[in-house]
Each structure stands twice: as C-alpha cells, then as structure tokens.
mmCIF file of all heavy atoms, coordinates in Angstrom:
data_MODEL
# 
_entry.id   MODEL 
# 
loop_
_atom_site.group_PDB 
_atom_site.id 
_atom_site.type_symbol 
_atom_site.label_atom_id 
_atom_site.label_alt_id 
_atom_site.label_comp_id 
_atom_site.label_asym_id 
_atom_site.label_entity_id 
_atom_site.label_seq_id 
_atom_site.pdbx_PDB_ins_code 
_atom_site.Cartn_x 
_atom_site.Cartn_y 
_atom_site.Cartn_z 
_atom_site.occupancy 
_atom_site.B_iso_or_equiv 
_atom_site.pdbx_formal_charge 
_atom_site.auth_seq_id 
_atom_site.auth_comp_id 
_atom_site.auth_asym_id 
_atom_site.auth_atom_id 
_atom_site.pdbx_PDB_model_num 
ATOM 1   N N   . THR A 1 1  ? 9.739  13.923  4.943   1.00 0.00 ? 1  THR A N   1 
ATOM 2   C CA  . THR A 1 1  ? 8.449  13.458  5.473   1.00 0.00 ? 1  THR A CA  1 
ATOM 3   C C   . THR A 1 1  ? 7.361  13.554  4.414   1.00 0.00 ? 1  THR A C   1 
ATOM 4   O O   . THR A 1 1  ? 6.557  12.631  4.237   1.00 0.00 ? 1  THR A O   1 
ATOM 5   C CB  . THR A 1 1  ? 8.067  14.289  6.712   1.00 0.00 ? 1  THR A CB  1 
ATOM 6   O OG1 . THR A 1 1  ? 9.082  14.152  7.705   1.00 0.00 ? 1  THR A OG1 1 
ATOM 7   C CG2 . THR A 1 1  ? 6.737  13.821  7.289   1.00 0.00 ? 1  THR A CG2 1 
ATOM 8   N N   . ILE A 1 2  ? 7.332  14.673  3.702   1.00 0.00 ? 2  ILE A N   1 
ATOM 9   C CA  . ILE A 1 2  ? 6.308  14.861  2.656   1.00 0.00 ? 2  ILE A CA  1 
ATOM 10  C C   . ILE A 1 2  ? 6.504  13.837  1.538   1.00 0.00 ? 2  ILE A C   1 
ATOM 11  O O   . ILE A 1 2  ? 5.530  13.241  1.037   1.00 0.00 ? 2  ILE A O   1 
ATOM 12  C CB  . ILE A 1 2  ? 6.386  16.302  2.097   1.00 0.00 ? 2  ILE A CB  1 
ATOM 13  C CG1 . ILE A 1 2  ? 5.949  17.304  3.174   1.00 0.00 ? 2  ILE A CG1 1 
ATOM 14  C CG2 . ILE A 1 2  ? 5.515  16.438  0.850   1.00 0.00 ? 2  ILE A CG2 1 
ATOM 15  C CD1 . ILE A 1 2  ? 6.179  18.750  2.782   1.00 0.00 ? 2  ILE A CD1 1 
ATOM 16  N N   . ILE A 1 3  ? 7.768  13.628  1.145   1.00 0.00 ? 3  ILE A N   1 
ATOM 17  C CA  . ILE A 1 3  ? 8.049  12.660  0.066   1.00 0.00 ? 3  ILE A CA  1 
ATOM 18  C C   . ILE A 1 3  ? 7.567  11.264  0.459   1.00 0.00 ? 3  ILE A C   1 
ATOM 19  O O   . ILE A 1 3  ? 6.886  10.573  -0.316  1.00 0.00 ? 3  ILE A O   1 
ATOM 20  C CB  . ILE A 1 3  ? 9.558  12.648  -0.255  1.00 0.00 ? 3  ILE A CB  1 
ATOM 21  C CG1 . ILE A 1 3  ? 9.965  13.966  -0.924  1.00 0.00 ? 3  ILE A CG1 1 
ATOM 22  C CG2 . ILE A 1 3  ? 9.919  11.458  -1.141  1.00 0.00 ? 3  ILE A CG2 1 
ATOM 23  C CD1 . ILE A 1 3  ? 11.460 14.144  -1.074  1.00 0.00 ? 3  ILE A CD1 1 
ATOM 24  N N   . PHE A 1 4  ? 7.923  10.822  1.675   1.00 0.00 ? 4  PHE A N   1 
ATOM 25  C CA  . PHE A 1 4  ? 7.529  9.484   2.102   1.00 0.00 ? 4  PHE A CA  1 
ATOM 26  C C   . PHE A 1 4  ? 6.024  9.404   2.361   1.00 0.00 ? 4  PHE A C   1 
ATOM 27  O O   . PHE A 1 4  ? 5.415  8.346   2.174   1.00 0.00 ? 4  PHE A O   1 
ATOM 28  C CB  . PHE A 1 4  ? 8.306  9.076   3.355   1.00 0.00 ? 4  PHE A CB  1 
ATOM 29  C CG  . PHE A 1 4  ? 9.743  8.742   3.074   1.00 0.00 ? 4  PHE A CG  1 
ATOM 30  C CD1 . PHE A 1 4  ? 10.774 9.401   3.725   1.00 0.00 ? 4  PHE A CD1 1 
ATOM 31  C CD2 . PHE A 1 4  ? 10.075 7.774   2.144   1.00 0.00 ? 4  PHE A CD2 1 
ATOM 32  C CE1 . PHE A 1 4  ? 12.095 9.090   3.463   1.00 0.00 ? 4  PHE A CE1 1 
ATOM 33  C CE2 . PHE A 1 4  ? 11.403 7.460   1.871   1.00 0.00 ? 4  PHE A CE2 1 
ATOM 34  C CZ  . PHE A 1 4  ? 12.416 8.120   2.532   1.00 0.00 ? 4  PHE A CZ  1 
ATOM 35  N N   . LEU A 1 5  ? 5.419  10.507  2.771   1.00 0.00 ? 5  LEU A N   1 
ATOM 36  C CA  . LEU A 1 5  ? 3.968  10.523  2.968   1.00 0.00 ? 5  LEU A CA  1 
ATOM 37  C C   . LEU A 1 5  ? 3.260  10.279  1.637   1.00 0.00 ? 5  LEU A C   1 
ATOM 38  O O   . LEU A 1 5  ? 2.321  9.466   1.554   1.00 0.00 ? 5  LEU A O   1 
ATOM 39  C CB  . LEU A 1 5  ? 3.548  11.870  3.563   1.00 0.00 ? 5  LEU A CB  1 
ATOM 40  C CG  . LEU A 1 5  ? 2.048  12.062  3.842   1.00 0.00 ? 5  LEU A CG  1 
ATOM 41  C CD1 . LEU A 1 5  ? 1.559  11.042  4.868   1.00 0.00 ? 5  LEU A CD1 1 
ATOM 42  C CD2 . LEU A 1 5  ? 1.771  13.476  4.332   1.00 0.00 ? 5  LEU A CD2 1 
ATOM 43  N N   . LEU A 1 6  ? 3.719  10.971  0.597   1.00 0.00 ? 6  LEU A N   1 
ATOM 44  C CA  . LEU A 1 6  ? 3.119  10.769  -0.729  1.00 0.00 ? 6  LEU A CA  1 
ATOM 45  C C   . LEU A 1 6  ? 3.370  9.346   -1.226  1.00 0.00 ? 6  LEU A C   1 
ATOM 46  O O   . LEU A 1 6  ? 2.487  8.736   -1.858  1.00 0.00 ? 6  LEU A O   1 
ATOM 47  C CB  . LEU A 1 6  ? 3.699  11.784  -1.721  1.00 0.00 ? 6  LEU A CB  1 
ATOM 48  C CG  . LEU A 1 6  ? 3.352  13.262  -1.452  1.00 0.00 ? 6  LEU A CG  1 
ATOM 49  C CD1 . LEU A 1 6  ? 4.082  14.166  -2.419  1.00 0.00 ? 6  LEU A CD1 1 
ATOM 50  C CD2 . LEU A 1 6  ? 1.841  13.472  -1.560  1.00 0.00 ? 6  LEU A CD2 1 
ATOM 51  N N   . SER A 1 7  ? 4.559  8.820   -0.921  1.00 0.00 ? 7  SER A N   1 
ATOM 52  C CA  . SER A 1 7  ? 4.886  7.457   -1.365  1.00 0.00 ? 7  SER A CA  1 
ATOM 53  C C   . SER A 1 7  ? 3.975  6.438   -0.694  1.00 0.00 ? 7  SER A C   1 
ATOM 54  O O   . SER A 1 7  ? 3.459  5.508   -1.344  1.00 0.00 ? 7  SER A O   1 
ATOM 55  C CB  . SER A 1 7  ? 6.349  7.134   -1.044  1.00 0.00 ? 7  SER A CB  1 
ATOM 56  O OG  . SER A 1 7  ? 7.215  8.029   -1.696  1.00 0.00 ? 7  SER A OG  1 
ATOM 57  N N   . VAL A 1 8  ? 3.757  6.599   0.605   1.00 0.00 ? 8  VAL A N   1 
ATOM 58  C CA  . VAL A 1 8  ? 2.937  5.639   1.346   1.00 0.00 ? 8  VAL A CA  1 
ATOM 59  C C   . VAL A 1 8  ? 1.479  5.719   0.917   1.00 0.00 ? 8  VAL A C   1 
ATOM 60  O O   . VAL A 1 8  ? 0.789  4.696   0.800   1.00 0.00 ? 8  VAL A O   1 
ATOM 61  C CB  . VAL A 1 8  ? 3.079  5.886   2.867   1.00 0.00 ? 8  VAL A CB  1 
ATOM 62  C CG1 . VAL A 1 8  ? 2.058  5.074   3.645   1.00 0.00 ? 8  VAL A CG1 1 
ATOM 63  C CG2 . VAL A 1 8  ? 4.495  5.539   3.328   1.00 0.00 ? 8  VAL A CG2 1 
ATOM 64  N N   . VAL A 1 9  ? 0.992  6.939   0.651   1.00 0.00 ? 9  VAL A N   1 
ATOM 65  C CA  . VAL A 1 9  ? -0.410 7.107   0.242   1.00 0.00 ? 9  VAL A CA  1 
ATOM 66  C C   . VAL A 1 9  ? -0.690 6.358   -1.065  1.00 0.00 ? 9  VAL A C   1 
ATOM 67  O O   . VAL A 1 9  ? -1.799 5.848   -1.283  1.00 0.00 ? 9  VAL A O   1 
ATOM 68  C CB  . VAL A 1 9  ? -0.738 8.612   0.093   1.00 0.00 ? 9  VAL A CB  1 
ATOM 69  C CG1 . VAL A 1 9  ? -2.066 8.812   -0.629  1.00 0.00 ? 9  VAL A CG1 1 
ATOM 70  C CG2 . VAL A 1 9  ? -0.776 9.274   1.463   1.00 0.00 ? 9  VAL A CG2 1 
ATOM 71  N N   . THR A 1 10 ? 0.315  6.266   -1.927  1.00 0.00 ? 10 THR A N   1 
ATOM 72  C CA  . THR A 1 10 ? 0.106  5.594   -3.219  1.00 0.00 ? 10 THR A CA  1 
ATOM 73  C C   . THR A 1 10 ? 0.187  4.079   -3.120  1.00 0.00 ? 10 THR A C   1 
ATOM 74  O O   . THR A 1 10 ? -0.133 3.377   -4.094  1.00 0.00 ? 10 THR A O   1 
ATOM 75  C CB  . THR A 1 10 ? 1.160  6.072   -4.240  1.00 0.00 ? 10 THR A CB  1 
ATOM 76  O OG1 . THR A 1 10 ? 2.464  5.731   -3.751  1.00 0.00 ? 10 THR A OG1 1 
ATOM 77  C CG2 . THR A 1 10 ? 1.066  7.572   -4.463  1.00 0.00 ? 10 THR A CG2 1 
ATOM 78  N N   . LEU A 1 11 ? 0.596  3.549   -1.966  1.00 0.00 ? 11 LEU A N   1 
ATOM 79  C CA  . LEU A 1 11 ? 0.752  2.097   -1.854  1.00 0.00 ? 11 LEU A CA  1 
ATOM 80  C C   . LEU A 1 11 ? -0.595 1.373   -1.889  1.00 0.00 ? 11 LEU A C   1 
ATOM 81  O O   . LEU A 1 11 ? -0.697 0.272   -2.436  1.00 0.00 ? 11 LEU A O   1 
ATOM 82  C CB  . LEU A 1 11 ? 1.498  1.750   -0.567  1.00 0.00 ? 11 LEU A CB  1 
ATOM 83  C CG  . LEU A 1 11 ? 2.985  2.116   -0.541  1.00 0.00 ? 11 LEU A CG  1 
ATOM 84  C CD1 . LEU A 1 11 ? 3.594  1.737   0.800   1.00 0.00 ? 11 LEU A CD1 1 
ATOM 85  C CD2 . LEU A 1 11 ? 3.730  1.411   -1.672  1.00 0.00 ? 11 LEU A CD2 1 
ATOM 86  N N   . GLN A 1 12 ? -1.624 1.947   -1.259  1.00 0.00 ? 12 GLN A N   1 
ATOM 87  C CA  . GLN A 1 12 ? -2.933 1.283   -1.243  1.00 0.00 ? 12 GLN A CA  1 
ATOM 88  C C   . GLN A 1 12 ? -3.500 1.117   -2.654  1.00 0.00 ? 12 GLN A C   1 
ATOM 89  O O   . GLN A 1 12 ? -3.934 0.014   -3.018  1.00 0.00 ? 12 GLN A O   1 
ATOM 90  C CB  . GLN A 1 12 ? -3.894 2.066   -0.351  1.00 0.00 ? 12 GLN A CB  1 
ATOM 91  C CG  . GLN A 1 12 ? -5.306 1.484   -0.258  1.00 0.00 ? 12 GLN A CG  1 
ATOM 92  C CD  . GLN A 1 12 ? -5.324 0.116   0.423   1.00 0.00 ? 12 GLN A CD  1 
ATOM 93  O OE1 . GLN A 1 12 ? -4.316 -0.323  0.968   1.00 0.00 ? 12 GLN A OE1 1 
ATOM 94  N NE2 . GLN A 1 12 ? -6.458 -0.549  0.378   1.00 0.00 ? 12 GLN A NE2 1 
ATOM 95  N N   . PRO A 1 13 ? -3.502 2.169   -3.497  1.00 0.00 ? 13 PRO A N   1 
ATOM 96  C CA  . PRO A 1 13 ? -3.954 1.955   -4.883  1.00 0.00 ? 13 PRO A CA  1 
ATOM 97  C C   . PRO A 1 13 ? -3.126 0.902   -5.611  1.00 0.00 ? 13 PRO A C   1 
ATOM 98  O O   . PRO A 1 13 ? -3.654 0.118   -6.405  1.00 0.00 ? 13 PRO A O   1 
ATOM 99  C CB  . PRO A 1 13 ? -3.774 3.350   -5.525  1.00 0.00 ? 13 PRO A CB  1 
ATOM 100 C CG  . PRO A 1 13 ? -3.869 4.298   -4.378  1.00 0.00 ? 13 PRO A CG  1 
ATOM 101 C CD  . PRO A 1 13 ? -3.253 3.588   -3.215  1.00 0.00 ? 13 PRO A CD  1 
ATOM 102 N N   . MET A 1 14 ? -1.791 0.869   -5.332  1.00 0.00 ? 14 MET A N   1 
ATOM 103 C CA  . MET A 1 14 ? -0.942 -0.143  -5.963  1.00 0.00 ? 14 MET A CA  1 
ATOM 104 C C   . MET A 1 14 ? -1.346 -1.544  -5.519  1.00 0.00 ? 14 MET A C   1 
ATOM 105 O O   . MET A 1 14 ? -1.379 -2.487  -6.326  1.00 0.00 ? 14 MET A O   1 
ATOM 106 C CB  . MET A 1 14 ? 0.532  0.101   -5.602  1.00 0.00 ? 14 MET A CB  1 
ATOM 107 C CG  . MET A 1 14 ? 1.145  1.312   -6.289  1.00 0.00 ? 14 MET A CG  1 
ATOM 108 S SD  . MET A 1 14 ? 2.829  1.610   -5.709  1.00 0.00 ? 14 MET A SD  1 
ATOM 109 C CE  . MET A 1 14 ? 3.589  0.048   -6.133  1.00 0.00 ? 14 MET A CE  1 
ATOM 110 N N   . ALA A 1 15 ? -1.670 -1.691  -4.222  1.00 0.00 ? 15 ALA A N   1 
ATOM 111 C CA  . ALA A 1 15 ? -2.064 -3.003  -3.711  1.00 0.00 ? 15 ALA A CA  1 
ATOM 112 C C   . ALA A 1 15 ? -3.381 -3.456  -4.335  1.00 0.00 ? 15 ALA A C   1 
ATOM 113 O O   . ALA A 1 15 ? -3.565 -4.628  -4.669  1.00 0.00 ? 15 ALA A O   1 
ATOM 114 C CB  . ALA A 1 15 ? -2.181 -2.952  -2.194  1.00 0.00 ? 15 ALA A CB  1 
ATOM 115 N N   . ILE A 1 16 ? -4.314 -2.514  -4.473  1.00 0.00 ? 16 ILE A N   1 
ATOM 116 C CA  . ILE A 1 16 ? -5.608 -2.854  -5.085  1.00 0.00 ? 16 ILE A CA  1 
ATOM 117 C C   . ILE A 1 16 ? -5.403 -3.280  -6.541  1.00 0.00 ? 16 ILE A C   1 
ATOM 118 O O   . ILE A 1 16 ? -5.994 -4.256  -7.021  1.00 0.00 ? 16 ILE A O   1 
ATOM 119 C CB  . ILE A 1 16 ? -6.565 -1.653  -4.995  1.00 0.00 ? 16 ILE A CB  1 
ATOM 120 C CG1 . ILE A 1 16 ? -6.897 -1.366  -3.526  1.00 0.00 ? 16 ILE A CG1 1 
ATOM 121 C CG2 . ILE A 1 16 ? -7.825 -1.903  -5.814  1.00 0.00 ? 16 ILE A CG2 1 
ATOM 122 C CD1 . ILE A 1 16 ? -7.716 -0.117  -3.326  1.00 0.00 ? 16 ILE A CD1 1 
ATOM 123 N N   . PHE A 1 17 ? -4.516 -2.542  -7.238  1.00 0.00 ? 17 PHE A N   1 
ATOM 124 C CA  . PHE A 1 17 ? -4.237 -2.875  -8.625  1.00 0.00 ? 17 PHE A CA  1 
ATOM 125 C C   . PHE A 1 17 ? -3.611 -4.270  -8.737  1.00 0.00 ? 17 PHE A C   1 
ATOM 126 O O   . PHE A 1 17 ? -3.881 -5.026  -9.673  1.00 0.00 ? 17 PHE A O   1 
ATOM 127 C CB  . PHE A 1 17 ? -3.291 -1.831  -9.228  1.00 0.00 ? 17 PHE A CB  1 
ATOM 128 C CG  . PHE A 1 17 ? -2.874 -2.134  -10.635 1.00 0.00 ? 17 PHE A CG  1 
ATOM 129 C CD1 . PHE A 1 17 ? -3.731 -1.874  -11.702 1.00 0.00 ? 17 PHE A CD1 1 
ATOM 130 C CD2 . PHE A 1 17 ? -1.629 -2.699  -10.905 1.00 0.00 ? 17 PHE A CD2 1 
ATOM 131 C CE1 . PHE A 1 17 ? -3.345 -2.170  -12.993 1.00 0.00 ? 17 PHE A CE1 1 
ATOM 132 C CE2 . PHE A 1 17 ? -1.244 -2.995  -12.196 1.00 0.00 ? 17 PHE A CE2 1 
ATOM 133 C CZ  . PHE A 1 17 ? -2.107 -2.718  -13.257 1.00 0.00 ? 17 PHE A CZ  1 
ATOM 134 N N   . ALA A 1 18 ? -2.768 -4.620  -7.705  1.00 0.00 ? 18 ALA A N   1 
ATOM 135 C CA  . ALA A 1 18 ? -2.120 -5.933  -7.717  1.00 0.00 ? 18 ALA A CA  1 
ATOM 136 C C   . ALA A 1 18 ? -3.016 -7.025  -7.162  1.00 0.00 ? 18 ALA A C   1 
ATOM 137 O O   . ALA A 1 18 ? -2.606 -8.184  -7.063  1.00 0.00 ? 18 ALA A O   1 
ATOM 138 C CB  . ALA A 1 18 ? -0.822 -5.885  -6.922  1.00 0.00 ? 18 ALA A CB  1 
ATOM 139 N N   . LYS A 1 19 ? -4.255 -6.658  -6.735  1.00 0.00 ? 19 LYS A N   1 
ATOM 140 C CA  . LYS A 1 19 ? -5.223 -7.594  -6.181  1.00 0.00 ? 19 LYS A CA  1 
ATOM 141 C C   . LYS A 1 19 ? -4.665 -8.298  -4.928  1.00 0.00 ? 19 LYS A C   1 
ATOM 142 O O   . LYS A 1 19 ? -4.713 -9.506  -4.798  1.00 0.00 ? 19 LYS A O   1 
ATOM 143 C CB  . LYS A 1 19 ? -5.640 -8.636  -7.229  1.00 0.00 ? 19 LYS A CB  1 
ATOM 144 C CG  . LYS A 1 19 ? -6.367 -8.020  -8.412  1.00 0.00 ? 19 LYS A CG  1 
ATOM 145 C CD  . LYS A 1 19 ? -6.778 -9.086  -9.392  1.00 0.00 ? 19 LYS A CD  1 
ATOM 146 C CE  . LYS A 1 19 ? -7.657 -8.523  -10.478 1.00 0.00 ? 19 LYS A CE  1 
ATOM 147 N NZ  . LYS A 1 19 ? -7.067 -7.411  -11.229 1.00 0.00 ? 19 LYS A NZ  1 
ATOM 148 N N   . GLY A 1 20 ? -4.117 -7.509  -4.031  1.00 0.00 ? 20 GLY A N   1 
ATOM 149 C CA  . GLY A 1 20 ? -3.614 -8.043  -2.768  1.00 0.00 ? 20 GLY A CA  1 
ATOM 150 C C   . GLY A 1 20 ? -3.747 -7.006  -1.681  1.00 0.00 ? 20 GLY A C   1 
ATOM 151 O O   . GLY A 1 20 ? -4.003 -5.836  -1.936  1.00 0.00 ? 20 GLY A O   1 
ATOM 152 N N   . TYR A 1 21 ? -3.647 -7.463  -0.445  1.00 0.00 ? 21 TYR A N   1 
ATOM 153 C CA  . TYR A 1 21 ? -3.722 -6.572  0.712   1.00 0.00 ? 21 TYR A CA  1 
ATOM 154 C C   . TYR A 1 21 ? -2.412 -6.657  1.486   1.00 0.00 ? 21 TYR A C   1 
ATOM 155 O O   . TYR A 1 21 ? -1.997 -7.734  1.899   1.00 0.00 ? 21 TYR A O   1 
ATOM 156 C CB  . TYR A 1 21 ? -4.889 -6.979  1.631   1.00 0.00 ? 21 TYR A CB  1 
ATOM 157 C CG  . TYR A 1 21 ? -6.243 -6.750  1.005   1.00 0.00 ? 21 TYR A CG  1 
ATOM 158 C CD1 . TYR A 1 21 ? -6.912 -7.805  0.380   1.00 0.00 ? 21 TYR A CD1 1 
ATOM 159 C CD2 . TYR A 1 21 ? -6.828 -5.499  1.041   1.00 0.00 ? 21 TYR A CD2 1 
ATOM 160 C CE1 . TYR A 1 21 ? -8.156 -7.613  -0.200  1.00 0.00 ? 21 TYR A CE1 1 
ATOM 161 C CE2 . TYR A 1 21 ? -8.078 -5.295  0.462   1.00 0.00 ? 21 TYR A CE2 1 
ATOM 162 C CZ  . TYR A 1 21 ? -8.732 -6.350  -0.156  1.00 0.00 ? 21 TYR A CZ  1 
ATOM 163 O OH  . TYR A 1 21 ? -9.955 -6.147  -0.720  1.00 0.00 ? 21 TYR A OH  1 
ATOM 164 N N   . GLN A 1 22 ? -1.798 -5.537  1.668   1.00 0.00 ? 22 GLN A N   1 
ATOM 165 C CA  . GLN A 1 22 ? -0.570 -5.572  2.428   1.00 0.00 ? 22 GLN A CA  1 
ATOM 166 C C   . GLN A 1 22 ? -0.876 -5.695  3.908   1.00 0.00 ? 22 GLN A C   1 
ATOM 167 O O   . GLN A 1 22 ? -1.809 -5.112  4.419   1.00 0.00 ? 22 GLN A O   1 
ATOM 168 C CB  . GLN A 1 22 ? 0.312  -4.353  2.155   1.00 0.00 ? 22 GLN A CB  1 
ATOM 169 C CG  . GLN A 1 22 ? -0.275 -2.999  2.340   1.00 0.00 ? 22 GLN A CG  1 
ATOM 170 C CD  . GLN A 1 22 ? -1.073 -2.445  1.213   1.00 0.00 ? 22 GLN A CD  1 
ATOM 171 O OE1 . GLN A 1 22 ? -1.908 -3.125  0.642   1.00 0.00 ? 22 GLN A OE1 1 
ATOM 172 N NE2 . GLN A 1 22 ? -0.859 -1.179  0.945   1.00 0.00 ? 22 GLN A NE2 1 
ATOM 173 N N   . GLY A 1 23 ? -0.094 -6.530  4.547   1.00 0.00 ? 23 GLY A N   1 
ATOM 174 C CA  . GLY A 1 23 ? -0.196 -6.631  5.995   1.00 0.00 ? 23 GLY A CA  1 
ATOM 175 C C   . GLY A 1 23 ? -1.199 -7.623  6.503   1.00 0.00 ? 23 GLY A C   1 
ATOM 176 O O   . GLY A 1 23 ? -1.296 -7.838  7.696   1.00 0.00 ? 23 GLY A O   1 
ATOM 177 N N   . ALA A 1 24 ? -2.006 -8.271  5.700   1.00 0.00 ? 24 ALA A N   1 
ATOM 178 C CA  . ALA A 1 24 ? -2.984 -9.230  6.208   1.00 0.00 ? 24 ALA A CA  1 
ATOM 179 C C   . ALA A 1 24 ? -2.267 -10.428 6.802   1.00 0.00 ? 24 ALA A C   1 
ATOM 180 O O   . ALA A 1 24 ? -1.285 -10.912 6.262   1.00 0.00 ? 24 ALA A O   1 
ATOM 181 C CB  . ALA A 1 24 ? -3.897 -9.685  5.080   1.00 0.00 ? 24 ALA A CB  1 
ATOM 182 N N   . ALA A 1 25 ? -2.747 -10.869 7.924   1.00 0.00 ? 25 ALA A N   1 
ATOM 183 C CA  . ALA A 1 25 ? -2.123 -12.033 8.562   1.00 0.00 ? 25 ALA A CA  1 
ATOM 184 C C   . ALA A 1 25 ? -2.237 -13.226 7.631   1.00 0.00 ? 25 ALA A C   1 
ATOM 185 O O   . ALA A 1 25 ? -3.214 -13.382 6.906   1.00 0.00 ? 25 ALA A O   1 
ATOM 186 C CB  . ALA A 1 25 ? -2.816 -12.318 9.891   1.00 0.00 ? 25 ALA A CB  1 
ATOM 187 N N   . PRO A 1 26 ? -1.264 -14.119 7.584   1.00 0.00 ? 26 PRO A N   1 
ATOM 188 C CA  . PRO A 1 26 ? -1.234 -15.225 6.625   1.00 0.00 ? 26 PRO A CA  1 
ATOM 189 C C   . PRO A 1 26 ? -2.471 -16.107 6.671   1.00 0.00 ? 26 PRO A C   1 
ATOM 190 O O   . PRO A 1 26 ? -2.898 -16.625 5.656   1.00 0.00 ? 26 PRO A O   1 
ATOM 191 C CB  . PRO A 1 26 ? 0.018  -16.008 7.042   1.00 0.00 ? 26 PRO A CB  1 
ATOM 192 C CG  . PRO A 1 26 ? 0.871  -15.021 7.781   1.00 0.00 ? 26 PRO A CG  1 
ATOM 193 C CD  . PRO A 1 26 ? -0.082 -14.097 8.445   1.00 0.00 ? 26 PRO A CD  1 
ATOM 194 N N   . ASP A 1 27 ? -3.047 -16.256 7.848   1.00 0.00 ? 27 ASP A N   1 
ATOM 195 C CA  . ASP A 1 27 ? -4.168 -17.180 7.960   1.00 0.00 ? 27 ASP A CA  1 
ATOM 196 C C   . ASP A 1 27 ? -5.511 -16.487 7.888   1.00 0.00 ? 27 ASP A C   1 
ATOM 197 O O   . ASP A 1 27 ? -6.546 -17.110 8.014   1.00 0.00 ? 27 ASP A O   1 
ATOM 198 C CB  . ASP A 1 27 ? -4.060 -17.963 9.276   1.00 0.00 ? 27 ASP A CB  1 
ATOM 199 C CG  . ASP A 1 27 ? -3.958 -17.030 10.477  1.00 0.00 ? 27 ASP A CG  1 
ATOM 200 O OD1 . ASP A 1 27 ? -3.683 -15.824 10.264  1.00 0.00 ? 27 ASP A OD1 1 
ATOM 201 O OD2 . ASP A 1 27 ? -4.156 -17.509 11.609  1.00 0.00 ? 27 ASP A OD2 1 
# 
C-alpha cells in the first residue's frame, strides 16, 4: 500500500511535466 501510494502521488508531477491531465474527458 505504501509503495503504490508513493507511486500514485508522483503521477501528478509527471503529468504536469508531460503537459497533460490524466483522466480528463475527451471532449
């Protein structure tokens, strides 16, 4: 749980770095 918690927390900075938003509806 701790490992995956740390992994998920880092996804938002990765998305910002990639200039995209995960999960936004296509339209």
